[in-house]
PDB file of N, CA and C in Angstrom:
ATOM      1  N   MET A   1      -3.240 -30.392 -12.277  1.00  0.00           N
ATOM      2  CA  MET A   1      -1.841 -29.768 -11.803  1.00  0.00           C
ATOM      3  C   MET A   1      -2.311 -28.131 -12.069  1.00  0.00           C
ATOM      4  N   THR A   2      -2.013 -28.027 -10.588  1.00  0.00           N
ATOM      5  CA  THR A   2      -2.119 -26.305 -10.832  1.00  0.00           C
ATOM      6  C   THR A   2      -0.870 -25.655 -10.438  1.00  0.00           C
ATOM      7  N   GLU A   3       0.151 -26.118 -10.748  1.00  0.00           N
ATOM      8  CA  GLU A   3       1.801 -25.465 -10.967  1.00  0.00           C
ATOM      9  C   GLU A   3       2.024 -25.236 -12.306  1.00  0.00           C
ATOM     10  N   ILE A   4       2.801 -24.101 -12.771  1.00  0.00           N
ATOM     11  CA  ILE A   4       3.096 -24.063 -14.000  1.00  0.00           C
ATOM     12  C   ILE A   4       3.825 -25.354 -14.534  1.00  0.00           C
ATOM     13  N   CYS A   5       3.488 -25.664 -15.698  1.00  0.00           N
ATOM     14  CA  CYS A   5       4.249 -26.880 -16.269  1.00  0.00           C
ATOM     15  C   CYS A   5       4.397 -26.042 -17.768  1.00  0.00           C
ATOM     16  N   HIS A   6       5.495 -26.799 -18.575  1.00  0.00           N
ATOM     17  CA  HIS A   6       5.972 -26.784 -19.909  1.00  0.00           C
ATOM     18  C   HIS A   6       5.767 -27.863 -20.800  1.00  0.00           C
ATOM     19  N   ILE A   7       5.117 -27.670 -21.928  1.00  0.00           N
ATOM     20  CA  ILE A   7       4.909 -28.785 -22.743  1.00  0.00           C
ATOM     21  C   ILE A   7       5.628 -28.411 -24.113  1.00  0.00           C
ATOM     22  N   TYR A   8       6.487 -29.367 -24.519  1.00  0.00           N
ATOM     23  CA  TYR A   8       7.399 -28.903 -25.590  1.00  0.00           C
ATOM     24  C   TYR A   8       7.051 -30.108 -26.727  1.00  0.00           C
ATOM     25  N   LEU A   9       6.901 -29.259 -28.140  1.00  0.00           N
ATOM     26  CA  LEU A   9       6.596 -30.126 -29.122  1.00  0.00           C
ATOM     27  C   LEU A   9       7.907 -29.767 -30.060  1.00  0.00           C
ATOM     28  N   GLN A  10       8.454 -31.070 -30.535  1.00  0.00           N
ATOM     29  CA  GLN A  10       9.645 -31.346 -31.395  1.00  0.00           C
ATOM     30  C   GLN A  10       9.353 -32.176 -32.474  1.00  0.00           C
ATOM     31  N   ILE A  11       9.559 -31.863 -33.847  1.00  0.00           N
ATOM     32  CA  ILE A  11       8.814 -32.519 -35.211  1.00  0.00           C
ATOM     33  C   ILE A  11      10.303 -32.542 -35.817  1.00  0.00           C
ATOM     34  N   ASN A  12      10.723 -33.654 -36.271  1.00  0.00           N
ATOM     35  CA  ASN A  12      11.922 -33.793 -37.091  1.00  0.00           C
ATOM     36  C   ASN A  12      11.617 -34.814 -38.195  1.00  0.00           C
ATOM     37  N   VAL A  13      11.951 -34.868 -39.270  1.00  0.00           N
ATOM     38  CA  VAL A  13      12.225 -36.042 -40.169  1.00  0.00           C
ATOM     39  C   VAL A  13      13.692 -36.292 -40.424  1.00  0.00           C
ATOM     40  N   LYS A  14      13.772 -37.664 -40.438  1.00  0.00           N
ATOM     41  CA  LYS A  14      15.079 -38.388 -40.392  1.00  0.00           C
ATOM     42  C   LYS A  14      15.273 -39.449 -40.986  1.00  0.00           C
ATOM     43  N   ASP A  15      15.969 -39.832 -42.184  1.00  0.00           N
ATOM     44  CA  ASP A  15      16.044 -41.151 -43.153  1.00  0.00           C
ATOM     45  C   ASP A  15      14.471 -41.549 -43.488  1.00  0.00           C
ATOM     46  N   GLN A  16      13.622 -40.589 -43.953  1.00  0.00           N
ATOM     47  CA  GLN A  16      12.290 -40.604 -44.443  1.00  0.00           C
ATOM     48  C   GLN A  16      11.220 -41.020 -43.284  1.00  0.00           C
ATOM     49  N   VAL A  17      11.511 -40.600 -42.338  1.00  0.00           N
ATOM     50  CA  VAL A  17      10.832 -41.036 -41.009  1.00  0.00           C
ATOM     51  C   VAL A  17      10.118 -39.674 -40.346  1.00  0.00           C
ATOM     52  N   LEU A  18       9.186 -39.236 -40.013  1.00  0.00           N
ATOM     53  CA  LEU A  18       8.691 -38.131 -39.545  1.00  0.00           C
ATOM     54  C   LEU A  18       8.389 -38.417 -37.891  1.00  0.00           C
ATOM     55  N   ILE A  19       9.320 -37.687 -37.290  1.00  0.00           N
ATOM     56  CA  ILE A  19       9.101 -37.956 -35.721  1.00  0.00           C
ATOM     57  C   ILE A  19       8.405 -37.092 -35.034  1.00  0.00           C
ATOM     58  N   VAL A  20       7.305 -37.253 -34.185  1.00  0.00           N
ATOM     59  CA  VAL A  20       6.661 -36.245 -33.633  1.00  0.00           C
ATOM     60  C   VAL A  20       6.832 -36.345 -32.126  1.00  0.00           C
ATOM     61  N   GLN A  21       7.655 -35.533 -31.104  1.00  0.00           N
ATOM     62  CA  GLN A  21       7.685 -35.819 -29.860  1.00  0.00           C
ATOM     63  C   GLN A  21       7.047 -34.732 -28.987  1.00  0.00           C
ATOM     64  N   VAL A  22       6.307 -35.269 -28.116  1.00  0.00           N
ATOM     65  CA  VAL A  22       5.625 -34.191 -27.151  1.00  0.00           C
ATOM     66  C   VAL A  22       6.046 -34.440 -25.614  1.00  0.00           C
ATOM     67  N   LYS A  23       6.826 -33.660 -25.211  1.00  0.00           N
ATOM     68  CA  LYS A  23       7.435 -33.534 -23.765  1.00  0.00           C
ATOM     69  C   LYS A  23       6.748 -32.847 -22.789  1.00  0.00           C
ATOM     70  N   ASN A  24       6.162 -33.302 -22.001  1.00  0.00           N
ATOM     71  CA  ASN A  24       5.195 -32.668 -20.744  1.00  0.00           C
ATOM     72  C   ASN A  24       6.126 -32.734 -19.356  1.00  0.00           C
ATOM     73  N   GLU A  25       6.203 -31.742 -19.167  1.00  0.00           N
ATOM     74  CA  GLU A  25       6.908 -31.551 -17.695  1.00  0.00           C
ATOM     75  C   GLU A  25       6.222 -31.788 -16.416  1.00  0.00           C
ATOM     76  N   GLY A  26       6.630 -32.376 -15.594  1.00  0.00           N
ATOM     77  CA  GLY A  26       5.961 -32.523 -14.438  1.00  0.00           C
ATOM     78  C   GLY A  26       4.970 -33.861 -14.441  1.00  0.00           C
ATOM     79  N   SER A  27       5.093 -34.708 -15.706  1.00  0.00           N
ATOM     80  CA  SER A  27       4.209 -35.793 -15.667  1.00  0.00           C
ATOM     81  C   SER A  27       4.920 -36.895 -15.986  1.00  0.00           C
ATOM     82  N   TYR A  28       4.201 -38.348 -15.760  1.00  0.00           N
ATOM     83  CA  TYR A  28       4.993 -39.278 -15.743  1.00  0.00           C
ATOM     84  C   TYR A  28       4.420 -40.677 -16.310  1.00  0.00           C
ATOM     85  N   PHE A  29       4.990 -41.257 -17.047  1.00  0.00           N
ATOM     86  CA  PHE A  29       4.020 -42.492 -17.634  1.00  0.00           C
ATOM     87  C   PHE A  29       4.545 -43.791 -16.971  1.00  0.00           C
ATOM     88  N   GLU A  30       3.731 -44.637 -16.645  1.00  0.00           N
ATOM     89  CA  GLU A  30       3.696 -45.623 -15.619  1.00  0.00           C
ATOM     90  C   GLU A  30       5.203 -46.672 -16.677  1.00  0.00           C
ATOM     91  N   ASP A  31       5.851 -47.373 -16.036  1.00  0.00           N
ATOM     92  CA  ASP A  31       7.068 -48.081 -16.908  1.00  0.00           C
ATOM     93  C   ASP A  31       6.116 -49.282 -17.661  1.00  0.00           C
ATOM     94  N   ASN A  32       6.398 -49.256 -19.050  1.00  0.00           N
ATOM     95  CA  ASN A  32       6.182 -50.177 -19.716  1.00  0.00           C
ATOM     96  C   ASN A  32       4.337 -50.076 -20.094  1.00  0.00           C
ATOM     97  N   LEU A  33       3.879 -49.095 -20.144  1.00  0.00           N
ATOM     98  CA  LEU A  33       2.699 -48.847 -19.720  1.00  0.00           C
ATOM     99  C   LEU A  33       2.093 -49.086 -21.184  1.00  0.00           C
ATOM    100  N   MET A  34       2.642 -49.188 -22.203  1.00  0.00           N
ATOM    101  CA  MET A  34       1.812 -49.724 -23.744  1.00  0.00           C
ATOM    102  C   MET A  34       1.629 -51.135 -23.607  1.00  0.00           C
ATOM    103  N   GLU A  35       2.873 -51.770 -23.085  1.00  0.00           N
ATOM    104  CA  GLU A  35       2.773 -53.250 -23.262  1.00  0.00           C
ATOM    105  C   GLU A  35       1.592 -53.505 -22.149  1.00  0.00           C
ATOM    106  N   LYS A  36       1.645 -52.908 -20.872  1.00  0.00           N
ATOM    107  CA  LYS A  36       0.482 -53.277 -20.010  1.00  0.00           C
ATOM    108  C   LYS A  36      -0.848 -53.206 -20.509  1.00  0.00           C
ATOM    109  N   LEU A  37      -1.096 -51.915 -21.137  1.00  0.00           N
ATOM    110  CA  LEU A  37      -2.173 -51.802 -21.718  1.00  0.00           C
ATOM    111  C   LEU A  37      -2.868 -52.913 -22.758  1.00  0.00           C
ATOM    112  N   ARG A  38      -1.687 -53.174 -23.887  1.00  0.00           N
ATOM    113  CA  ARG A  38      -1.971 -53.949 -24.562  1.00  0.00           C
ATOM    114  C   ARG A  38      -2.287 -55.615 -24.079  1.00  0.00           C
ATOM    115  N   GLN A  39      -1.493 -56.094 -22.915  1.00  0.00           N
ATOM    116  CA  GLN A  39      -2.084 -57.061 -21.934  1.00  0.00           C
ATOM    117  C   GLN A  39      -3.190 -57.027 -21.167  1.00  0.00           C
ATOM    118  N   LYS A  40      -3.914 -55.840 -21.313  1.00  0.00           N
ATOM    119  CA  LYS A  40      -4.951 -55.736 -20.415  1.00  0.00           C
ATOM    120  C   LYS A  40      -4.357 -56.082 -18.644  1.00  0.00           C
ATOM    121  N   GLN A  41      -3.180 -55.718 -18.351  1.00  0.00           N
ATOM    122  CA  GLN A  41      -2.607 -55.553 -17.076  1.00  0.00           C
ATOM    123  C   GLN A  41      -2.701 -54.527 -16.270  1.00  0.00           C
ATOM    124  N   ASN A  42      -3.229 -53.469 -17.097  1.00  0.00           N
ATOM    125  CA  ASN A  42      -3.344 -52.215 -16.377  1.00  0.00           C
ATOM    126  C   ASN A  42      -4.755 -51.612 -16.656  1.00  0.00           C
ATOM    127  N   ALA A  43      -5.680 -51.345 -15.769  1.00  0.00           N
ATOM    128  CA  ALA A  43      -6.980 -50.809 -16.157  1.00  0.00           C
ATOM    129  C   ALA A  43      -6.693 -49.345 -16.830  1.00  0.00           C
ATOM    130  N   SER A  44      -7.325 -48.949 -17.675  1.00  0.00           N
ATOM    131  CA  SER A  44      -7.199 -47.642 -18.089  1.00  0.00           C
ATOM    132  C   SER A  44      -7.743 -46.706 -17.288  1.00  0.00           C
ATOM    133  N   ARG A  45      -7.316 -45.335 -17.184  1.00  0.00           N
ATOM    134  CA  ARG A  45      -7.814 -44.430 -16.457  1.00  0.00           C
ATOM    135  C   ARG A  45      -8.389 -43.266 -17.345  1.00  0.00           C
ATOM    136  N   GLY A  46      -8.930 -43.612 -18.435  1.00  0.00           N
ATOM    137  CA  GLY A  46      -9.463 -42.454 -19.292  1.00  0.00           C
ATOM    138  C   GLY A  46      -8.798 -42.346 -20.293  1.00  0.00           C
ATOM    139  N   PHE A  47      -7.301 -42.824 -20.336  1.00  0.00           N
ATOM    140  CA  PHE A  47      -6.478 -42.677 -21.607  1.00  0.00           C
ATOM    141  C   PHE A  47      -5.834 -43.728 -22.189  1.00  0.00           C
ATOM    142  N   GLY A  48      -6.177 -44.731 -21.758  1.00  0.00           N
ATOM    143  CA  GLY A  48      -5.493 -45.943 -22.320  1.00  0.00           C
ATOM    144  C   GLY A  48      -5.943 -46.602 -23.930  1.00  0.00           C
ATOM    145  N   ILE A  49      -7.059 -46.440 -23.594  1.00  0.00           N
ATOM    146  CA  ILE A  49      -7.912 -46.905 -25.129  1.00  0.00           C
ATOM    147  C   ILE A  49      -7.412 -46.049 -26.362  1.00  0.00           C
ATOM    148  N   GLY A  50      -7.316 -44.785 -25.832  1.00  0.00           N
ATOM    149  CA  GLY A  50      -6.892 -43.726 -26.957  1.00  0.00           C
ATOM    150  C   GLY A  50      -5.645 -44.054 -27.345  1.00  0.00           C
ATOM    151  N   LEU A  51      -4.829 -44.307 -26.650  1.00  0.00           N
ATOM    152  CA  LEU A  51      -3.262 -44.446 -26.653  1.00  0.00           C
ATOM    153  C   LEU A  51      -3.330 -45.951 -27.555  1.00  0.00           C
ATOM    154  N   LEU A  52      -3.707 -47.007 -27.120  1.00  0.00           N
ATOM    155  CA  LEU A  52      -3.864 -48.248 -27.987  1.00  0.00           C
ATOM    156  C   LEU A  52      -4.291 -47.938 -29.298  1.00  0.00           C
ATOM    157  N   ASN A  53      -5.132 -47.180 -29.361  1.00  0.00           N
ATOM    158  CA  ASN A  53      -5.969 -47.098 -30.949  1.00  0.00           C
ATOM    159  C   ASN A  53      -5.306 -45.981 -31.591  1.00  0.00           C
ATOM    160  N   ILE A  54      -4.458 -45.027 -31.229  1.00  0.00           N
ATOM    161  CA  ILE A  54      -3.605 -44.224 -31.947  1.00  0.00           C
ATOM    162  C   ILE A  54      -2.371 -45.062 -32.549  1.00  0.00           C
ATOM    163  N   ASP A  55      -1.957 -46.312 -31.539  1.00  0.00           N
ATOM    164  CA  ASP A  55      -0.578 -47.093 -32.032  1.00  0.00           C
ATOM    165  C   ASP A  55      -1.324 -47.972 -33.291  1.00  0.00           C
ATOM    166  N   GLN A  56      -2.372 -48.680 -32.880  1.00  0.00           N
ATOM    167  CA  GLN A  56      -2.724 -49.429 -33.770  1.00  0.00           C
ATOM    168  C   GLN A  56      -3.166 -49.253 -35.012  1.00  0.00           C
ATOM    169  N   ARG A  57      -3.668 -47.879 -35.159  1.00  0.00           N
ATOM    170  CA  ARG A  57      -3.986 -47.430 -36.238  1.00  0.00           C
ATOM    171  C   ARG A  57      -2.880 -47.011 -37.207  1.00  0.00           C
ATOM    172  N   ILE A  58      -1.938 -46.523 -36.487  1.00  0.00           N
ATOM    173  CA  ILE A  58      -0.583 -46.083 -37.362  1.00  0.00           C
ATOM    174  C   ILE A  58      -0.210 -47.490 -37.796  1.00  0.00           C
ATOM    175  N   LYS A  59       0.015 -48.554 -37.115  1.00  0.00           N
ATOM    176  CA  LYS A  59       0.671 -49.771 -37.589  1.00  0.00           C
ATOM    177  C   LYS A  59       0.005 -50.616 -38.522  1.00  0.00           C
ATOM    178  N   LEU A  60      -1.332 -50.245 -38.641  1.00  0.00           N
ATOM    179  CA  LEU A  60      -2.311 -50.782 -39.863  1.00  0.00           C
ATOM    180  C   LEU A  60      -1.990 -50.087 -40.558  1.00  0.00           C
ATOM    181  N   LEU A  61      -1.792 -48.657 -40.674  1.00  0.00           N
ATOM    182  CA  LEU A  61      -1.907 -47.714 -42.242  1.00  0.00           C
ATOM    183  C   LEU A  61      -0.319 -48.039 -42.540  1.00  0.00           C
ATOM    184  N   PHE A  62       0.519 -48.209 -41.735  1.00  0.00           N
ATOM    185  CA  PHE A  62       2.089 -48.018 -42.531  1.00  0.00           C
ATOM    186  C   PHE A  62       2.775 -49.033 -42.008  1.00  0.00           C
ATOM    187  N   SER A  63       2.843 -49.936 -40.969  1.00  0.00           N
ATOM    188  CA  SER A  63       3.403 -51.406 -40.724  1.00  0.00           C
ATOM    189  C   SER A  63       3.896 -50.849 -39.199  1.00  0.00           C
ATOM    190  N   ASP A  64       4.345 -51.998 -38.640  1.00  0.00           N
ATOM    191  CA  ASP A  64       4.692 -52.209 -37.156  1.00  0.00           C
ATOM    192  C   ASP A  64       6.005 -51.559 -36.942  1.00  0.00           C
ATOM    193  N   GLU A  65       6.441 -51.023 -37.888  1.00  0.00           N
ATOM    194  CA  GLU A  65       8.125 -49.712 -37.583  1.00  0.00           C
ATOM    195  C   GLU A  65       7.870 -48.659 -37.119  1.00  0.00           C
ATOM    196  N   TYR A  66       6.154 -48.207 -37.175  1.00  0.00           N
ATOM    197  CA  TYR A  66       5.650 -46.944 -36.863  1.00  0.00           C
ATOM    198  C   TYR A  66       4.872 -46.968 -35.756  1.00  0.00           C
ATOM    199  N   GLY A  67       4.592 -46.168 -35.293  1.00  0.00           N
ATOM    200  CA  GLY A  67       3.673 -45.759 -34.193  1.00  0.00           C
ATOM    201  C   GLY A  67       3.622 -45.066 -33.161  1.00  0.00           C
ATOM    202  N   LEU A  68       3.196 -45.287 -31.900  1.00  0.00           N
ATOM    203  CA  LEU A  68       3.279 -44.425 -30.646  1.00  0.00           C
ATOM    204  C   LEU A  68       4.098 -45.153 -29.825  1.00  0.00           C
ATOM    205  N   SER A  69       5.104 -44.387 -28.994  1.00  0.00           N
ATOM    206  CA  SER A  69       5.782 -44.952 -27.761  1.00  0.00           C
ATOM    207  C   SER A  69       5.550 -43.919 -26.555  1.00  0.00           C
ATOM    208  N   LEU A  70       6.146 -44.617 -25.309  1.00  0.00           N
ATOM    209  CA  LEU A  70       6.183 -43.517 -24.293  1.00  0.00           C
ATOM    210  C   LEU A  70       7.059 -43.789 -23.332  1.00  0.00           C
ATOM    211  N   ARG A  71       7.672 -42.853 -22.800  1.00  0.00           N
ATOM    212  CA  ARG A  71       8.731 -42.962 -21.992  1.00  0.00           C
ATOM    213  C   ARG A  71       9.008 -41.696 -21.122  1.00  0.00           C
ATOM    214  N   ASN A  72       9.746 -41.835 -19.912  1.00  0.00           N
ATOM    215  CA  ASN A  72      10.039 -40.803 -19.157  1.00  0.00           C
ATOM    216  C   ASN A  72      11.408 -40.533 -19.266  1.00  0.00           C
ATOM    217  N   GLU A  73      11.765 -39.000 -19.249  1.00  0.00           N
ATOM    218  CA  GLU A  73      13.120 -38.579 -19.577  1.00  0.00           C
ATOM    219  C   GLU A  73      13.368 -37.210 -18.972  1.00  0.00           C
ATOM    220  N   ASP A  74      14.182 -37.312 -18.171  1.00  0.00           N
ATOM    221  CA  ASP A  74      14.730 -36.039 -17.435  1.00  0.00           C
ATOM    222  C   ASP A  74      13.494 -35.149 -16.674  1.00  0.00           C
ATOM    223  N   GLY A  75      12.605 -35.689 -15.940  1.00  0.00           N
ATOM    224  CA  GLY A  75      11.496 -35.248 -15.458  1.00  0.00           C
ATOM    225  C   GLY A  75      10.061 -34.959 -16.360  1.00  0.00           C
ATOM    226  N   PHE A  76      10.478 -35.551 -17.648  1.00  0.00           N
ATOM    227  CA  PHE A  76       9.359 -35.228 -18.724  1.00  0.00           C
ATOM    228  C   PHE A  76       8.633 -36.566 -19.086  1.00  0.00           C
ATOM    229  N   ALA A  77       7.401 -36.566 -19.188  1.00  0.00           N
ATOM    230  CA  ALA A  77       6.742 -37.736 -19.745  1.00  0.00           C
ATOM    231  C   ALA A  77       6.597 -37.344 -21.326  1.00  0.00           C
ATOM    232  N   VAL A  78       7.391 -38.284 -22.140  1.00  0.00           N
ATOM    233  CA  VAL A  78       7.568 -38.106 -23.511  1.00  0.00           C
ATOM    234  C   VAL A  78       6.634 -39.041 -24.396  1.00  0.00           C
ATOM    235  N   ALA A  79       5.818 -38.823 -25.031  1.00  0.00           N
ATOM    236  CA  ALA A  79       5.293 -39.371 -26.245  1.00  0.00           C
ATOM    237  C   ALA A  79       5.535 -39.060 -27.660  1.00  0.00           C
ATOM    238  N   THR A  80       6.327 -40.346 -28.365  1.00  0.00           N
ATOM    239  CA  THR A  80       6.660 -40.278 -29.743  1.00  0.00           C
ATOM    240  C   THR A  80       5.615 -40.960 -30.489  1.00  0.00           C
ATOM    241  N   ILE A  81       5.579 -40.081 -31.563  1.00  0.00           N
ATOM    242  CA  ILE A  81       5.005 -40.825 -32.762  1.00  0.00           C
ATOM    243  C   ILE A  81       5.565 -40.926 -34.182  1.00  0.00           C
ATOM    244  N   THR A  82       6.181 -42.007 -34.508  1.00  0.00           N
ATOM    245  CA  THR A  82       6.707 -42.152 -35.694  1.00  0.00           C
ATOM    246  C   THR A  82       5.843 -42.622 -37.255  1.00  0.00           C
ATOM    247  N   LEU A  83       5.748 -41.877 -38.224  1.00  0.00           N
ATOM    248  CA  LEU A  83       5.331 -42.068 -38.926  1.00  0.00           C
ATOM    249  C   LEU A  83       6.132 -41.983 -40.597  1.00  0.00           C
ATOM    250  N   PRO A  84       5.832 -42.802 -41.596  1.00  0.00           N
ATOM    251  CA  PRO A  84       6.824 -42.353 -42.823  1.00  0.00           C
ATOM    252  C   PRO A  84       6.291 -41.160 -43.348  1.00  0.00           C
ATOM    253  N   PHE A  85       7.632 -40.783 -43.960  1.00  0.00           N
ATOM    254  CA  PHE A  85       7.506 -39.218 -44.346  1.00  0.00           C
ATOM    255  C   PHE A  85       8.139 -39.206 -45.947  1.00  0.00           C
ATOM    256  N   GLN A  86       7.420 -38.576 -46.854  1.00  0.00           N
ATOM    257  CA  GLN A  86       7.554 -38.552 -48.356  1.00  0.00           C
ATOM    258  C   GLN A  86       7.346 -37.127 -48.637  1.00  0.00           C
ATOM    259  N   LYS A  87       8.505 -36.493 -49.472  1.00  0.00           N
ATOM    260  CA  LYS A  87       8.531 -35.055 -49.867  1.00  0.00           C
ATOM    261  C   LYS A  87       7.664 -34.810 -50.367  1.00  0.00           C
ATOM    262  N   GLU A  88       7.765 -35.696 -51.594  1.00  0.00           N
ATOM    263  CA  GLU A  88       6.574 -35.556 -52.577  1.00  0.00           C
ATOM    264  C   GLU A  88       5.387 -34.839 -52.068  1.00  0.00           C
ATOM    265  N   GLY A  89       4.754 -34.043 -52.832  1.00  0.00           N
ATOM    266  CA  GLY A  89       3.294 -33.542 -52.222  1.00  0.00           C
ATOM    267  C   GLY A  89       3.410 -32.353 -51.152  1.00  0.00           C
ATOM    268  N   ALA A  90       4.652 -32.257 -50.230  1.00  0.00           N
ATOM    269  CA  ALA A  90       5.094 -31.568 -49.155  1.00  0.00           C
ATOM    270  C   ALA A  90       5.363 -30.213 -49.565  1.00  0.00           C
ATOM    271  N   GLU A  91       5.006 -29.612 -50.792  1.00  0.00           N
ATOM    272  CA  GLU A  91       5.606 -28.459 -51.370  1.00  0.00           C
ATOM    273  C   GLU A  91       5.071 -27.206 -50.414  1.00  0.00           C
ATOM    274  N   ASP A  92       3.966 -27.373 -49.686  1.00  0.00           N
ATOM    275  CA  ASP A  92       3.610 -26.422 -49.028  1.00  0.00           C
ATOM    276  C   ASP A  92       4.070 -26.494 -47.235  1.00  0.00           C
ATOM    277  N   VAL A  93       4.949 -27.545 -47.066  1.00  0.00           N
ATOM    278  CA  VAL A  93       5.507 -27.671 -45.690  1.00  0.00           C
ATOM    279  C   VAL A  93       6.483 -26.724 -45.526  1.00  0.00           C
ATOM    280  N   LYS A  94       6.676 -26.064 -44.453  1.00  0.00           N
ATOM    281  CA  LYS A  94       7.608 -25.139 -44.088  1.00  0.00           C
ATOM    282  C   LYS A  94       8.354 -25.732 -42.938  1.00  0.00           C
ATOM    283  N   ILE A  95       9.594 -25.978 -42.887  1.00  0.00           N
ATOM    284  CA  ILE A  95      10.520 -26.495 -42.142  1.00  0.00           C
ATOM    285  C   ILE A  95      11.337 -25.233 -41.378  1.00  0.00           C
ATOM    286  N   THR A  96      11.220 -24.887 -40.302  1.00  0.00           N
ATOM    287  CA  THR A  96      11.950 -24.014 -39.551  1.00  0.00           C
ATOM    288  C   THR A  96      12.390 -24.503 -38.165  1.00  0.00           C
ATOM    289  N   ASP A  97      13.554 -23.852 -38.016  1.00  0.00           N
ATOM    290  CA  ASP A  97      14.469 -24.279 -36.587  1.00  0.00           C
ATOM    291  C   ASP A  97      14.242 -23.337 -35.636  1.00  0.00           C
ATOM    292  N   CYS A  98      13.379 -23.243 -34.529  1.00  0.00           N
ATOM    293  CA  CYS A  98      12.860 -22.474 -33.795  1.00  0.00           C
ATOM    294  C   CYS A  98      13.663 -22.524 -32.292  1.00  0.00           C
TER     295      CYS A  98
END
């Protein structure tokens, strides 16, 4: 992409779940991309194996309720990673509202 684009990173903790969201302006995820990659219905274009690997590793470590999801929203490609969050041991984590 040669035009200016914006990438936004948002991190929230809600109900002991860490939600990391990356929004990329001007990009687009194919509908049901993760499912198509799982079913080998879509040939990877250099990024599919990594996306599946991230999702599978999170699910193996924490359970199927966590992982990676992809969607399109208001002109943005949105990737969301959900992980369990425990406040214990997080004394050094600073949460700020920017």
